[in-house]
ModelCIF file with pLDDT and N, C-alpha, C, O atoms, coordinates in Angstrom:
data_MODEL
#
_entry.id   MODEL 
#
_entity.id                         1 
_entity.type                       polymer 
_entity.pdbx_number_of_molecules   1 
#
_entity_poly.entity_id                      1 
_entity_poly.type                           'polypeptide(L)' 
_entity_poly.nstd_linkage                   no 
_entity_poly.nstd_monomer                   no 
_entity_poly.pdbx_seq_one_letter_code       
;(UNK)(UNK)(UNK)(UNK)(UNK)(UNK)(UNK)(UNK)(UNK)(UNK)(UNK)(UNK)(UNK)(UNK)(UNK)(UNK)
(UNK)(UNK)(UNK)(UNK)(UNK)(UNK)(UNK)(UNK)(UNK)(UNK)(UNK)(UNK)(UNK)(UNK)(UNK)(UNK)
(UNK)(UNK)(UNK)(UNK)(UNK)(UNK)(UNK)(UNK)(UNK)(UNK)(UNK)(UNK)(UNK)(UNK)
;
_entity_poly.pdbx_seq_one_letter_code_can   XXXXXXXXXXXXXXXXXXXXXXXXXXXXXXXXXXXXXXXXXXXXXX 
_entity_poly.pdbx_strand_id                 A 
#
loop_
_entity_poly_seq.entity_id 
_entity_poly_seq.num 
_entity_poly_seq.mon_id 
_entity_poly_seq.hetero 
1 1  UNK n 
1 2  UNK n 
1 3  UNK n 
1 4  UNK n 
1 5  UNK n 
1 6  UNK n 
1 7  UNK n 
1 8  UNK n 
1 9  UNK n 
1 10 UNK n 
1 11 UNK n 
1 12 UNK n 
1 13 UNK n 
1 14 UNK n 
1 15 UNK n 
1 16 UNK n 
1 17 UNK n 
1 18 UNK n 
1 19 UNK n 
1 20 UNK n 
1 21 UNK n 
1 22 UNK n 
1 23 UNK n 
1 24 UNK n 
1 25 UNK n 
1 26 UNK n 
1 27 UNK n 
1 28 UNK n 
1 29 UNK n 
1 30 UNK n 
1 31 UNK n 
1 32 UNK n 
1 33 UNK n 
1 34 UNK n 
1 35 UNK n 
1 36 UNK n 
1 37 UNK n 
1 38 UNK n 
1 39 UNK n 
1 40 UNK n 
1 41 UNK n 
1 42 UNK n 
1 43 UNK n 
1 44 UNK n 
1 45 UNK n 
1 46 UNK n 
#
_struct_asym.id          A 
_struct_asym.entity_id   1 
#
loop_
_ma_qa_metric.id 
_ma_qa_metric.mode 
_ma_qa_metric.name 
_ma_qa_metric.software_group_id 
_ma_qa_metric.type 
1 global pLDDT . pLDDT 
2 local  pLDDT . pLDDT 
#
_ma_qa_metric_global.metric_id      1 
_ma_qa_metric_global.metric_value   76.89 
_ma_qa_metric_global.model_id       1 
_ma_qa_metric_global.ordinal_id     1 
#
loop_
_ma_qa_metric_local.label_asym_id 
_ma_qa_metric_local.label_comp_id 
_ma_qa_metric_local.label_seq_id 
_ma_qa_metric_local.metric_id 
_ma_qa_metric_local.metric_value 
_ma_qa_metric_local.model_id 
_ma_qa_metric_local.ordinal_id 
A UNK 1  2 85.00 1 1  
A UNK 2  2 91.00 1 2  
A UNK 3  2 94.00 1 3  
A UNK 4  2 95.00 1 4  
A UNK 5  2 95.00 1 5  
A UNK 6  2 95.00 1 6  
A UNK 7  2 95.00 1 7  
A UNK 8  2 95.00 1 8  
A UNK 9  2 94.00 1 9  
A UNK 10 2 93.00 1 10 
A UNK 11 2 91.00 1 11 
A UNK 12 2 88.00 1 12 
A UNK 13 2 83.00 1 13 
A UNK 14 2 80.00 1 14 
A UNK 15 2 81.00 1 15 
A UNK 16 2 79.00 1 16 
A UNK 17 2 77.00 1 17 
A UNK 18 2 72.00 1 18 
A UNK 19 2 67.00 1 19 
A UNK 20 2 71.00 1 20 
A UNK 21 2 75.00 1 21 
A UNK 22 2 81.00 1 22 
A UNK 23 2 73.00 1 23 
A UNK 24 2 67.00 1 24 
A UNK 25 2 60.00 1 25 
A UNK 26 2 56.00 1 26 
A UNK 27 2 50.00 1 27 
A UNK 28 2 47.00 1 28 
A UNK 29 2 46.00 1 29 
A UNK 30 2 44.00 1 30 
A UNK 31 2 43.00 1 31 
A UNK 32 2 43.00 1 32 
A UNK 33 2 56.00 1 33 
A UNK 34 2 64.00 1 34 
A UNK 35 2 75.00 1 35 
A UNK 36 2 82.00 1 36 
A UNK 37 2 80.00 1 37 
A UNK 38 2 81.00 1 38 
A UNK 39 2 87.00 1 39 
A UNK 40 2 87.00 1 40 
A UNK 41 2 83.00 1 41 
A UNK 42 2 86.00 1 42 
A UNK 43 2 89.00 1 43 
A UNK 44 2 87.00 1 44 
A UNK 45 2 85.00 1 45 
A UNK 46 2 89.00 1 46 
#
loop_
_atom_site.group_PDB 
_atom_site.id 
_atom_site.type_symbol 
_atom_site.label_atom_id 
_atom_site.label_alt_id 
_atom_site.label_comp_id 
_atom_site.label_asym_id 
_atom_site.label_entity_id 
_atom_site.label_seq_id 
_atom_site.pdbx_PDB_ins_code 
_atom_site.Cartn_x 
_atom_site.Cartn_y 
_atom_site.Cartn_z 
_atom_site.occupancy 
_atom_site.B_iso_or_equiv 
_atom_site.pdbx_formal_charge 
_atom_site.auth_seq_id 
_atom_site.auth_comp_id 
_atom_site.auth_asym_id 
_atom_site.auth_atom_id 
_atom_site.pdbx_PDB_model_num 
ATOM 1   N N  . UNK A 1 1  ? 88.047 17.805 221.729 1.00 85.00 ? 1  UNK A N  1 
ATOM 2   C CA . UNK A 1 1  ? 88.748 16.731 221.279 1.00 85.00 ? 1  UNK A CA 1 
ATOM 3   C C  . UNK A 1 1  ? 87.759 15.770 220.630 1.00 85.00 ? 1  UNK A C  1 
ATOM 4   O O  . UNK A 1 1  ? 88.178 14.621 220.492 1.00 85.00 ? 1  UNK A O  1 
ATOM 5   N N  . UNK A 1 2  ? 86.514 16.030 220.203 1.00 91.00 ? 2  UNK A N  1 
ATOM 6   C CA . UNK A 1 2  ? 85.822 15.206 219.613 1.00 91.00 ? 2  UNK A CA 1 
ATOM 7   C C  . UNK A 1 2  ? 85.368 15.834 218.302 1.00 91.00 ? 2  UNK A C  1 
ATOM 8   O O  . UNK A 1 2  ? 85.516 17.003 217.945 1.00 91.00 ? 2  UNK A O  1 
ATOM 9   N N  . UNK A 1 3  ? 84.757 14.778 217.623 1.00 94.00 ? 3  UNK A N  1 
ATOM 10  C CA . UNK A 1 3  ? 84.380 15.284 216.176 1.00 94.00 ? 3  UNK A CA 1 
ATOM 11  C C  . UNK A 1 3  ? 82.746 15.457 216.493 1.00 94.00 ? 3  UNK A C  1 
ATOM 12  O O  . UNK A 1 3  ? 82.084 14.622 217.110 1.00 94.00 ? 3  UNK A O  1 
ATOM 13  N N  . UNK A 1 4  ? 82.292 16.561 216.011 1.00 95.00 ? 4  UNK A N  1 
ATOM 14  C CA . UNK A 1 4  ? 80.879 17.303 216.194 1.00 95.00 ? 4  UNK A CA 1 
ATOM 15  C C  . UNK A 1 4  ? 80.287 17.539 214.786 1.00 95.00 ? 4  UNK A C  1 
ATOM 16  O O  . UNK A 1 4  ? 80.773 18.280 213.931 1.00 95.00 ? 4  UNK A O  1 
ATOM 17  N N  . UNK A 1 5  ? 79.086 16.745 214.668 1.00 95.00 ? 5  UNK A N  1 
ATOM 18  C CA . UNK A 1 5  ? 78.286 16.922 213.454 1.00 95.00 ? 5  UNK A CA 1 
ATOM 19  C C  . UNK A 1 5  ? 77.087 17.338 213.799 1.00 95.00 ? 5  UNK A C  1 
ATOM 20  O O  . UNK A 1 5  ? 76.360 16.663 214.528 1.00 95.00 ? 5  UNK A O  1 
ATOM 21  N N  . UNK A 1 6  ? 76.691 18.681 213.234 1.00 95.00 ? 6  UNK A N  1 
ATOM 22  C CA . UNK A 1 6  ? 75.540 19.054 213.926 1.00 95.00 ? 6  UNK A CA 1 
ATOM 23  C C  . UNK A 1 6  ? 74.514 19.828 212.792 1.00 95.00 ? 6  UNK A C  1 
ATOM 24  O O  . UNK A 1 6  ? 75.067 20.443 211.881 1.00 95.00 ? 6  UNK A O  1 
ATOM 25  N N  . UNK A 1 7  ? 73.471 19.805 212.833 1.00 95.00 ? 7  UNK A N  1 
ATOM 26  C CA . UNK A 1 7  ? 72.376 20.326 211.965 1.00 95.00 ? 7  UNK A CA 1 
ATOM 27  C C  . UNK A 1 7  ? 71.390 21.119 212.843 1.00 95.00 ? 7  UNK A C  1 
ATOM 28  O O  . UNK A 1 7  ? 71.040 20.745 213.963 1.00 95.00 ? 7  UNK A O  1 
ATOM 29  N N  . UNK A 1 8  ? 70.963 22.274 212.222 1.00 95.00 ? 8  UNK A N  1 
ATOM 30  C CA . UNK A 1 8  ? 69.530 22.798 213.033 1.00 95.00 ? 8  UNK A CA 1 
ATOM 31  C C  . UNK A 1 8  ? 68.807 23.558 211.949 1.00 95.00 ? 8  UNK A C  1 
ATOM 32  O O  . UNK A 1 8  ? 69.382 24.115 211.015 1.00 95.00 ? 8  UNK A O  1 
ATOM 33  N N  . UNK A 1 9  ? 67.647 23.542 212.121 1.00 94.00 ? 9  UNK A N  1 
ATOM 34  C CA . UNK A 1 9  ? 66.847 23.977 211.107 1.00 94.00 ? 9  UNK A CA 1 
ATOM 35  C C  . UNK A 1 9  ? 65.602 24.603 211.758 1.00 94.00 ? 9  UNK A C  1 
ATOM 36  O O  . UNK A 1 9  ? 65.334 23.920 212.747 1.00 94.00 ? 9  UNK A O  1 
ATOM 37  N N  . UNK A 1 10 ? 64.765 25.571 211.625 1.00 93.00 ? 10 UNK A N  1 
ATOM 38  C CA . UNK A 1 10 ? 63.681 26.261 211.820 1.00 93.00 ? 10 UNK A CA 1 
ATOM 39  C C  . UNK A 1 10 ? 62.499 25.364 211.973 1.00 93.00 ? 10 UNK A C  1 
ATOM 40  O O  . UNK A 1 10 ? 62.133 24.735 210.980 1.00 93.00 ? 10 UNK A O  1 
ATOM 41  N N  . UNK A 1 11 ? 61.849 25.228 213.121 1.00 91.00 ? 11 UNK A N  1 
ATOM 42  C CA . UNK A 1 11 ? 60.656 24.472 213.230 1.00 91.00 ? 11 UNK A CA 1 
ATOM 43  C C  . UNK A 1 11 ? 59.634 25.061 214.157 1.00 91.00 ? 11 UNK A C  1 
ATOM 44  O O  . UNK A 1 11 ? 59.709 25.073 215.386 1.00 91.00 ? 11 UNK A O  1 
ATOM 45  N N  . UNK A 1 12 ? 58.616 25.574 213.371 1.00 88.00 ? 12 UNK A N  1 
ATOM 46  C CA . UNK A 1 12 ? 57.587 26.209 214.234 1.00 88.00 ? 12 UNK A CA 1 
ATOM 47  C C  . UNK A 1 12 ? 56.541 25.535 215.128 1.00 88.00 ? 12 UNK A C  1 
ATOM 48  O O  . UNK A 1 12 ? 55.898 26.015 216.062 1.00 88.00 ? 12 UNK A O  1 
ATOM 49  N N  . UNK A 1 13 ? 56.532 24.204 214.563 1.00 83.00 ? 13 UNK A N  1 
ATOM 50  C CA . UNK A 1 13 ? 55.455 23.348 215.111 1.00 83.00 ? 13 UNK A CA 1 
ATOM 51  C C  . UNK A 1 13 ? 56.178 22.203 216.223 1.00 83.00 ? 13 UNK A C  1 
ATOM 52  O O  . UNK A 1 13 ? 57.143 21.524 215.874 1.00 83.00 ? 13 UNK A O  1 
ATOM 53  N N  . UNK A 1 14 ? 55.667 22.118 217.364 1.00 80.00 ? 14 UNK A N  1 
ATOM 54  C CA . UNK A 1 14 ? 56.286 21.106 218.293 1.00 80.00 ? 14 UNK A CA 1 
ATOM 55  C C  . UNK A 1 14 ? 56.314 19.910 217.887 1.00 80.00 ? 14 UNK A C  1 
ATOM 56  O O  . UNK A 1 14 ? 55.465 19.490 217.101 1.00 80.00 ? 14 UNK A O  1 
ATOM 57  N N  . UNK A 1 15 ? 57.369 19.110 218.390 1.00 81.00 ? 15 UNK A N  1 
ATOM 58  C CA . UNK A 1 15 ? 57.512 17.789 217.925 1.00 81.00 ? 15 UNK A CA 1 
ATOM 59  C C  . UNK A 1 15 ? 57.387 16.973 218.922 1.00 81.00 ? 15 UNK A C  1 
ATOM 60  O O  . UNK A 1 15 ? 57.629 17.323 220.077 1.00 81.00 ? 15 UNK A O  1 
ATOM 61  N N  . UNK A 1 16 ? 56.966 15.694 218.570 1.00 79.00 ? 16 UNK A N  1 
ATOM 62  C CA . UNK A 1 16 ? 56.960 14.489 219.662 1.00 79.00 ? 16 UNK A CA 1 
ATOM 63  C C  . UNK A 1 16 ? 57.950 13.569 219.613 1.00 79.00 ? 16 UNK A C  1 
ATOM 64  O O  . UNK A 1 16 ? 58.334 13.161 218.517 1.00 79.00 ? 16 UNK A O  1 
ATOM 65  N N  . UNK A 1 17 ? 58.490 13.122 220.758 1.00 77.00 ? 17 UNK A N  1 
ATOM 66  C CA . UNK A 1 17 ? 59.589 12.230 220.542 1.00 77.00 ? 17 UNK A CA 1 
ATOM 67  C C  . UNK A 1 17 ? 59.299 10.907 221.251 1.00 77.00 ? 17 UNK A C  1 
ATOM 68  O O  . UNK A 1 17 ? 58.548 10.837 222.224 1.00 77.00 ? 17 UNK A O  1 
ATOM 69  N N  . UNK A 1 18 ? 59.924 9.877  220.720 1.00 72.00 ? 18 UNK A N  1 
ATOM 70  C CA . UNK A 1 18 ? 59.573 8.608  221.151 1.00 72.00 ? 18 UNK A CA 1 
ATOM 71  C C  . UNK A 1 18 ? 61.001 7.844  221.087 1.00 72.00 ? 18 UNK A C  1 
ATOM 72  O O  . UNK A 1 18 ? 61.558 8.012  220.002 1.00 72.00 ? 18 UNK A O  1 
ATOM 73  N N  . UNK A 1 19 ? 61.678 7.083  221.964 1.00 67.00 ? 19 UNK A N  1 
ATOM 74  C CA . UNK A 1 19 ? 62.904 6.581  222.100 1.00 67.00 ? 19 UNK A CA 1 
ATOM 75  C C  . UNK A 1 19 ? 64.007 7.485  221.553 1.00 67.00 ? 19 UNK A C  1 
ATOM 76  O O  . UNK A 1 19 ? 64.877 7.083  220.781 1.00 67.00 ? 19 UNK A O  1 
ATOM 77  N N  . UNK A 1 20 ? 63.909 8.724  222.005 1.00 71.00 ? 20 UNK A N  1 
ATOM 78  C CA . UNK A 1 20 ? 64.997 9.539  221.617 1.00 71.00 ? 20 UNK A CA 1 
ATOM 79  C C  . UNK A 1 20 ? 64.976 10.247 220.292 1.00 71.00 ? 20 UNK A C  1 
ATOM 80  O O  . UNK A 1 20 ? 65.722 11.195 220.047 1.00 71.00 ? 20 UNK A O  1 
ATOM 81  N N  . UNK A 1 21 ? 63.902 9.652  219.253 1.00 75.00 ? 21 UNK A N  1 
ATOM 82  C CA . UNK A 1 21 ? 63.718 10.096 217.893 1.00 75.00 ? 21 UNK A CA 1 
ATOM 83  C C  . UNK A 1 21 ? 62.218 10.814 217.736 1.00 75.00 ? 21 UNK A C  1 
ATOM 84  O O  . UNK A 1 21 ? 61.261 10.519 218.452 1.00 75.00 ? 21 UNK A O  1 
ATOM 85  N N  . UNK A 1 22 ? 62.193 11.641 216.850 1.00 81.00 ? 22 UNK A N  1 
ATOM 86  C CA . UNK A 1 22 ? 61.035 12.648 216.619 1.00 81.00 ? 22 UNK A CA 1 
ATOM 87  C C  . UNK A 1 22 ? 60.116 11.521 215.791 1.00 81.00 ? 22 UNK A C  1 
ATOM 88  O O  . UNK A 1 22 ? 60.515 10.771 214.900 1.00 81.00 ? 22 UNK A O  1 
ATOM 89  N N  . UNK A 1 23 ? 59.037 11.603 216.236 1.00 73.00 ? 23 UNK A N  1 
ATOM 90  C CA . UNK A 1 23 ? 57.920 10.857 215.945 1.00 73.00 ? 23 UNK A CA 1 
ATOM 91  C C  . UNK A 1 23 ? 57.301 11.539 214.330 1.00 73.00 ? 23 UNK A C  1 
ATOM 92  O O  . UNK A 1 23 ? 56.847 12.682 214.274 1.00 73.00 ? 23 UNK A O  1 
ATOM 93  N N  . UNK A 1 24 ? 57.370 10.783 213.316 1.00 67.00 ? 24 UNK A N  1 
ATOM 94  C CA . UNK A 1 24 ? 57.093 11.230 211.883 1.00 67.00 ? 24 UNK A CA 1 
ATOM 95  C C  . UNK A 1 24 ? 55.576 11.966 212.081 1.00 67.00 ? 24 UNK A C  1 
ATOM 96  O O  . UNK A 1 24 ? 54.713 11.575 212.867 1.00 67.00 ? 24 UNK A O  1 
ATOM 97  N N  . UNK A 1 25 ? 55.486 12.970 211.294 1.00 60.00 ? 25 UNK A N  1 
ATOM 98  C CA . UNK A 1 25 ? 54.104 13.434 211.234 1.00 60.00 ? 25 UNK A CA 1 
ATOM 99  C C  . UNK A 1 25 ? 53.242 13.226 210.023 1.00 60.00 ? 25 UNK A C  1 
ATOM 100 O O  . UNK A 1 25 ? 52.176 13.785 209.763 1.00 60.00 ? 25 UNK A O  1 
ATOM 101 N N  . UNK A 1 26 ? 53.958 12.230 209.257 1.00 56.00 ? 26 UNK A N  1 
ATOM 102 C CA . UNK A 1 26 ? 53.123 11.949 208.019 1.00 56.00 ? 26 UNK A CA 1 
ATOM 103 C C  . UNK A 1 26 ? 52.351 10.738 208.304 1.00 56.00 ? 26 UNK A C  1 
ATOM 104 O O  . UNK A 1 26 ? 52.826 9.842  209.002 1.00 56.00 ? 26 UNK A O  1 
ATOM 105 N N  . UNK A 1 27 ? 51.095 10.671 207.756 1.00 50.00 ? 27 UNK A N  1 
ATOM 106 C CA . UNK A 1 27 ? 50.076 9.751  207.882 1.00 50.00 ? 27 UNK A CA 1 
ATOM 107 C C  . UNK A 1 27 ? 50.380 8.161  207.811 1.00 50.00 ? 27 UNK A C  1 
ATOM 108 O O  . UNK A 1 27 ? 49.775 7.292  208.440 1.00 50.00 ? 27 UNK A O  1 
ATOM 109 N N  . UNK A 1 28 ? 51.450 7.976  206.908 1.00 47.00 ? 28 UNK A N  1 
ATOM 110 C CA . UNK A 1 28 ? 51.778 6.475  206.687 1.00 47.00 ? 28 UNK A CA 1 
ATOM 111 C C  . UNK A 1 28 ? 53.317 6.289  207.706 1.00 47.00 ? 28 UNK A C  1 
ATOM 112 O O  . UNK A 1 28 ? 54.487 6.536  207.412 1.00 47.00 ? 28 UNK A O  1 
ATOM 113 N N  . UNK A 1 29 ? 52.747 5.795  208.884 1.00 46.00 ? 29 UNK A N  1 
ATOM 114 C CA . UNK A 1 29 ? 53.844 5.593  209.935 1.00 46.00 ? 29 UNK A CA 1 
ATOM 115 C C  . UNK A 1 29 ? 54.861 4.565  209.548 1.00 46.00 ? 29 UNK A C  1 
ATOM 116 O O  . UNK A 1 29 ? 56.043 4.641  209.884 1.00 46.00 ? 29 UNK A O  1 
ATOM 117 N N  . UNK A 1 30 ? 54.386 3.667  208.876 1.00 44.00 ? 30 UNK A N  1 
ATOM 118 C CA . UNK A 1 30 ? 55.300 2.561  208.339 1.00 44.00 ? 30 UNK A CA 1 
ATOM 119 C C  . UNK A 1 30 ? 56.197 2.763  207.383 1.00 44.00 ? 30 UNK A C  1 
ATOM 120 O O  . UNK A 1 30 ? 57.212 2.067  207.355 1.00 44.00 ? 30 UNK A O  1 
ATOM 121 N N  . UNK A 1 31 ? 55.972 3.737  206.457 1.00 43.00 ? 31 UNK A N  1 
ATOM 122 C CA . UNK A 1 31 ? 56.891 4.086  205.346 1.00 43.00 ? 31 UNK A CA 1 
ATOM 123 C C  . UNK A 1 31 ? 57.654 5.190  205.651 1.00 43.00 ? 31 UNK A C  1 
ATOM 124 O O  . UNK A 1 31 ? 58.261 5.749  204.738 1.00 43.00 ? 31 UNK A O  1 
ATOM 125 N N  . UNK A 1 32 ? 57.733 5.639  206.891 1.00 43.00 ? 32 UNK A N  1 
ATOM 126 C CA . UNK A 1 32 ? 58.632 6.984  207.008 1.00 43.00 ? 32 UNK A CA 1 
ATOM 127 C C  . UNK A 1 32 ? 59.292 6.792  208.598 1.00 43.00 ? 32 UNK A C  1 
ATOM 128 O O  . UNK A 1 32 ? 58.992 5.861  209.346 1.00 43.00 ? 32 UNK A O  1 
ATOM 129 N N  . UNK A 1 33 ? 60.134 7.754  208.883 1.00 56.00 ? 33 UNK A N  1 
ATOM 130 C CA . UNK A 1 33 ? 61.011 7.660  210.145 1.00 56.00 ? 33 UNK A CA 1 
ATOM 131 C C  . UNK A 1 33 ? 61.989 6.725  210.033 1.00 56.00 ? 33 UNK A C  1 
ATOM 132 O O  . UNK A 1 33 ? 62.497 6.404  211.108 1.00 56.00 ? 33 UNK A O  1 
ATOM 133 N N  . UNK A 1 34 ? 62.396 6.203  209.083 1.00 64.00 ? 34 UNK A N  1 
ATOM 134 C CA . UNK A 1 34 ? 63.646 5.450  208.933 1.00 64.00 ? 34 UNK A CA 1 
ATOM 135 C C  . UNK A 1 34 ? 64.817 6.506  208.568 1.00 64.00 ? 34 UNK A C  1 
ATOM 136 O O  . UNK A 1 34 ? 65.964 6.093  208.741 1.00 64.00 ? 34 UNK A O  1 
ATOM 137 N N  . UNK A 1 35 ? 64.679 7.619  208.158 1.00 75.00 ? 35 UNK A N  1 
ATOM 138 C CA . UNK A 1 35 ? 65.794 8.479  208.065 1.00 75.00 ? 35 UNK A CA 1 
ATOM 139 C C  . UNK A 1 35 ? 66.503 8.715  209.239 1.00 75.00 ? 35 UNK A C  1 
ATOM 140 O O  . UNK A 1 35 ? 67.706 8.471  209.324 1.00 75.00 ? 35 UNK A O  1 
ATOM 141 N N  . UNK A 1 36 ? 65.751 9.235  210.273 1.00 82.00 ? 36 UNK A N  1 
ATOM 142 C CA . UNK A 1 36 ? 66.301 9.425  211.721 1.00 82.00 ? 36 UNK A CA 1 
ATOM 143 C C  . UNK A 1 36 ? 66.987 8.009  212.162 1.00 82.00 ? 36 UNK A C  1 
ATOM 144 O O  . UNK A 1 36 ? 68.150 7.968  212.562 1.00 82.00 ? 36 UNK A O  1 
ATOM 145 N N  . UNK A 1 37 ? 66.240 6.968  212.061 1.00 80.00 ? 37 UNK A N  1 
ATOM 146 C CA . UNK A 1 37 ? 66.677 5.883  212.420 1.00 80.00 ? 37 UNK A CA 1 
ATOM 147 C C  . UNK A 1 37 ? 68.170 5.542  211.726 1.00 80.00 ? 37 UNK A C  1 
ATOM 148 O O  . UNK A 1 37 ? 69.095 5.057  212.379 1.00 80.00 ? 37 UNK A O  1 
ATOM 149 N N  . UNK A 1 38 ? 68.245 5.835  210.461 1.00 81.00 ? 38 UNK A N  1 
ATOM 150 C CA . UNK A 1 38 ? 69.456 5.493  209.775 1.00 81.00 ? 38 UNK A CA 1 
ATOM 151 C C  . UNK A 1 38 ? 70.550 6.385  210.087 1.00 81.00 ? 38 UNK A C  1 
ATOM 152 O O  . UNK A 1 38 ? 71.672 5.986  209.772 1.00 81.00 ? 38 UNK A O  1 
ATOM 153 N N  . UNK A 1 39 ? 70.436 7.624  210.696 1.00 87.00 ? 39 UNK A N  1 
ATOM 154 C CA . UNK A 1 39 ? 71.329 8.494  211.216 1.00 87.00 ? 39 UNK A CA 1 
ATOM 155 C C  . UNK A 1 39 ? 72.004 8.006  212.419 1.00 87.00 ? 39 UNK A C  1 
ATOM 156 O O  . UNK A 1 39 ? 73.192 8.216  212.663 1.00 87.00 ? 39 UNK A O  1 
ATOM 157 N N  . UNK A 1 40 ? 71.102 7.270  213.246 1.00 87.00 ? 40 UNK A N  1 
ATOM 158 C CA . UNK A 1 40 ? 71.528 6.718  214.680 1.00 87.00 ? 40 UNK A CA 1 
ATOM 159 C C  . UNK A 1 40 ? 72.338 5.327  214.337 1.00 87.00 ? 40 UNK A C  1 
ATOM 160 O O  . UNK A 1 40 ? 73.242 4.857  215.027 1.00 87.00 ? 40 UNK A O  1 
ATOM 161 N N  . UNK A 1 41 ? 71.775 4.729  213.028 1.00 83.00 ? 41 UNK A N  1 
ATOM 162 C CA . UNK A 1 41 ? 72.454 3.249  212.759 1.00 83.00 ? 41 UNK A CA 1 
ATOM 163 C C  . UNK A 1 41 ? 73.988 3.653  212.467 1.00 83.00 ? 41 UNK A C  1 
ATOM 164 O O  . UNK A 1 41 ? 74.919 3.121  213.072 1.00 83.00 ? 41 UNK A O  1 
ATOM 165 N N  . UNK A 1 42 ? 74.188 4.792  211.333 1.00 86.00 ? 42 UNK A N  1 
ATOM 166 C CA . UNK A 1 42 ? 75.269 5.092  210.880 1.00 86.00 ? 42 UNK A CA 1 
ATOM 167 C C  . UNK A 1 42 ? 76.292 5.676  212.010 1.00 86.00 ? 42 UNK A C  1 
ATOM 168 O O  . UNK A 1 42 ? 77.489 5.391  211.984 1.00 86.00 ? 42 UNK A O  1 
ATOM 169 N N  . UNK A 1 43 ? 75.770 6.435  212.905 1.00 89.00 ? 43 UNK A N  1 
ATOM 170 C CA . UNK A 1 43 ? 76.658 7.159  214.095 1.00 89.00 ? 43 UNK A CA 1 
ATOM 171 C C  . UNK A 1 43 ? 77.062 5.915  214.858 1.00 89.00 ? 43 UNK A C  1 
ATOM 172 O O  . UNK A 1 43 ? 78.272 5.692  214.889 1.00 89.00 ? 43 UNK A O  1 
ATOM 173 N N  . UNK A 1 44 ? 76.253 5.059  215.483 1.00 87.00 ? 44 UNK A N  1 
ATOM 174 C CA . UNK A 1 44 ? 76.557 3.876  216.256 1.00 87.00 ? 44 UNK A CA 1 
ATOM 175 C C  . UNK A 1 44 ? 77.581 2.868  215.500 1.00 87.00 ? 44 UNK A C  1 
ATOM 176 O O  . UNK A 1 44 ? 78.457 2.307  216.158 1.00 87.00 ? 44 UNK A O  1 
ATOM 177 N N  . UNK A 1 45 ? 77.480 2.698  214.408 1.00 85.00 ? 45 UNK A N  1 
ATOM 178 C CA . UNK A 1 45 ? 78.390 1.969  213.681 1.00 85.00 ? 45 UNK A CA 1 
ATOM 179 C C  . UNK A 1 45 ? 79.660 2.392  213.834 1.00 85.00 ? 45 UNK A C  1 
ATOM 180 O O  . UNK A 1 45 ? 80.530 1.523  213.892 1.00 85.00 ? 45 UNK A O  1 
ATOM 181 N N  . UNK A 1 46 ? 79.994 3.629  213.919 1.00 89.00 ? 46 UNK A N  1 
ATOM 182 C CA . UNK A 1 46 ? 81.360 4.029  214.157 1.00 89.00 ? 46 UNK A CA 1 
ATOM 183 C C  . UNK A 1 46 ? 81.742 4.770  215.745 1.00 89.00 ? 46 UNK A C  1 
ATOM 184 O O  . UNK A 1 46 ? 82.892 5.128  215.999 1.00 89.00 ? 46 UNK A O  1 
#
């Protein structure tokens, strides 16, 4: 009875999470990581 949106992709390296979101592995932490936040932002909007 719910609308389910799902993606999965192969990931051989373990990820670290903070606040329920994966921590970016890129060196510039300030310029990245907003893609996952945008997913949450749009989802919570609806």
